[in-house]
Amino acid sequence: MNKRPGYSLEVRERSVRMVLTGEHEHKSRWAAIQSVAAKIGCAPETLRSWLNKMEVDTGKRPGTTNGEASRFKELERENRELKHANEILHKAAAFFAQAELDRKPR
């Protein structure tokens, strides 16, 4: 499948601003989104998702902000690494405990 390269952050922000400032000139938000999407050459649903993300990030809509999502991702990665290190330590402890039991008394 042929995937287009993503839109720059500037284009996204400008498109969202265009929808918000031109919303009063249309009969609905969806009509404004369709109008702006046609002008910049993206799908209306794409522009709607950019608008929703911006509203979440600014606190106008409930949800997980981009900053929180990246922090969650970082914490999940760290958690995986710590679990892996803990597993290695448990195996090493079991190995050395068994070696101690197998050792002949003096």
Protein backbone atom coordinates (compact mmCIF):
# COMPACT_ATOMS: atom_id res chain seq x y z
CA MET A 1 0.00 0.00 0.00
CA ASN A 2 1.31 3.44 -0.90
CA LYS A 3 1.52 5.58 2.22
CA ARG A 4 1.95 9.34 1.96
CA PRO A 5 4.52 11.01 4.16
CA GLY A 6 3.07 12.69 7.23
CA TYR A 7 2.13 16.34 7.41
CA SER A 8 4.44 18.71 9.25
CA LEU A 9 3.49 20.08 12.65
CA GLU A 10 3.14 23.56 11.14
CA VAL A 11 0.59 22.35 8.59
CA ARG A 12 -1.37 20.54 11.28
CA GLU A 13 -1.46 23.56 13.58
CA ARG A 14 -2.39 25.94 10.77
CA SER A 15 -5.16 23.62 9.57
CA VAL A 16 -6.64 23.35 13.07
CA ARG A 17 -6.51 27.15 13.44
CA MET A 18 -8.27 27.51 10.08
CA VAL A 19 -11.08 25.21 11.24
CA LEU A 20 -11.47 27.01 14.56
CA THR A 21 -11.46 30.50 13.04
CA GLY A 22 -13.69 29.59 10.09
CA GLU A 23 -16.14 27.46 12.03
CA HIS A 24 -18.67 30.30 12.36
CA GLU A 25 -18.83 30.65 8.55
CA HIS A 26 -20.14 27.09 8.14
CA LYS A 27 -23.29 25.39 9.32
CA SER A 28 -21.37 22.84 11.42
CA ARG A 29 -17.87 21.96 12.56
CA TRP A 30 -17.83 19.02 10.18
CA ALA A 31 -18.58 21.35 7.24
CA ALA A 32 -15.65 23.57 8.30
CA ILE A 33 -13.40 20.52 8.58
CA GLN A 34 -14.37 19.32 5.10
CA SER A 35 -13.74 22.76 3.64
CA VAL A 36 -10.27 23.14 5.18
CA ALA A 37 -9.33 19.51 4.41
CA ALA A 38 -10.10 20.10 0.73
CA LYS A 39 -7.86 23.18 0.76
CA ILE A 40 -4.83 21.46 2.28
CA GLY A 41 -5.31 18.12 0.53
CA CYS A 42 -5.91 15.76 3.43
CA ALA A 43 -8.83 13.55 4.40
CA PRO A 44 -11.47 15.25 6.56
CA GLU A 45 -11.20 12.47 9.15
CA THR A 46 -7.46 13.15 9.46
CA LEU A 47 -8.11 16.81 10.15
CA ARG A 48 -10.85 15.91 12.64
CA SER A 49 -8.40 13.70 14.55
CA TRP A 50 -5.83 16.54 14.64
CA LEU A 51 -8.53 18.82 16.02
CA ASN A 52 -9.51 16.27 18.68
CA LYS A 53 -5.87 15.77 19.74
CA MET A 54 -5.39 19.53 20.04
CA GLU A 55 -8.51 19.83 22.20
CA VAL A 56 -7.28 17.04 24.48
CA ASP A 57 -3.82 18.62 24.75
CA THR A 58 -5.32 22.02 25.66
CA GLY A 59 -7.75 20.51 28.19
CA LYS A 60 -10.95 21.30 26.28
CA ARG A 61 -11.73 17.59 25.92
CA PRO A 62 -11.03 14.72 28.33
CA GLY A 63 -8.37 12.19 27.35
CA THR A 64 -4.69 11.38 27.46
CA THR A 65 -2.46 14.21 26.28
CA ASN A 66 0.55 13.62 24.05
CA GLY A 67 2.88 14.37 26.96
CA GLU A 68 1.15 11.84 29.20
CA ALA A 69 1.15 9.23 26.45
CA SER A 70 4.89 9.59 25.87
CA ARG A 71 5.51 9.42 29.63
CA PHE A 72 3.40 6.23 29.88
CA LYS A 73 5.37 4.71 27.01
CA GLU A 74 8.67 5.59 28.69
CA LEU A 75 7.52 4.11 32.02
CA GLU A 76 6.31 0.91 30.33
CA ARG A 77 9.71 0.51 28.63
CA GLU A 78 11.50 1.07 31.94
CA ASN A 79 9.18 -1.42 33.65
CA ARG A 80 9.97 -4.09 31.01
CA GLU A 81 13.71 -3.52 31.47
CA LEU A 82 13.43 -3.79 35.27
CA LYS A 83 11.38 -6.99 35.05
CA HIS A 84 14.00 -8.47 32.72
CA ALA A 85 16.83 -7.49 35.08
CA ASN A 86 14.90 -8.90 38.04
CA GLU A 87 14.40 -12.20 36.17
CA ILE A 88 18.14 -12.41 35.49
CA LEU A 89 18.92 -11.77 39.17
CA HIS A 90 16.47 -14.48 40.27
CA LYS A 91 18.06 -17.00 37.91
CA ALA A 92 21.57 -16.06 39.07
CA ALA A 93 20.56 -16.41 42.72
CA ALA A 94 19.03 -19.82 42.04
CA PHE A 95 22.16 -20.92 40.17
CA PHE A 96 24.51 -19.88 42.97
CA ALA A 97 22.24 -21.35 45.66
CA GLN A 98 22.26 -24.69 43.83
CA ALA A 99 26.05 -24.50 43.44
CA GLU A 100 26.35 -23.91 47.18
CA LEU A 101 24.20 -26.97 47.90
CA ASP A 102 26.21 -29.15 45.50
CA ARG A 103 29.52 -28.13 47.10
CA LYS A 104 31.15 -30.80 49.28
CA PRO A 105 31.49 -29.94 52.97
CA ARG A 106 35.06 -29.59 54.33
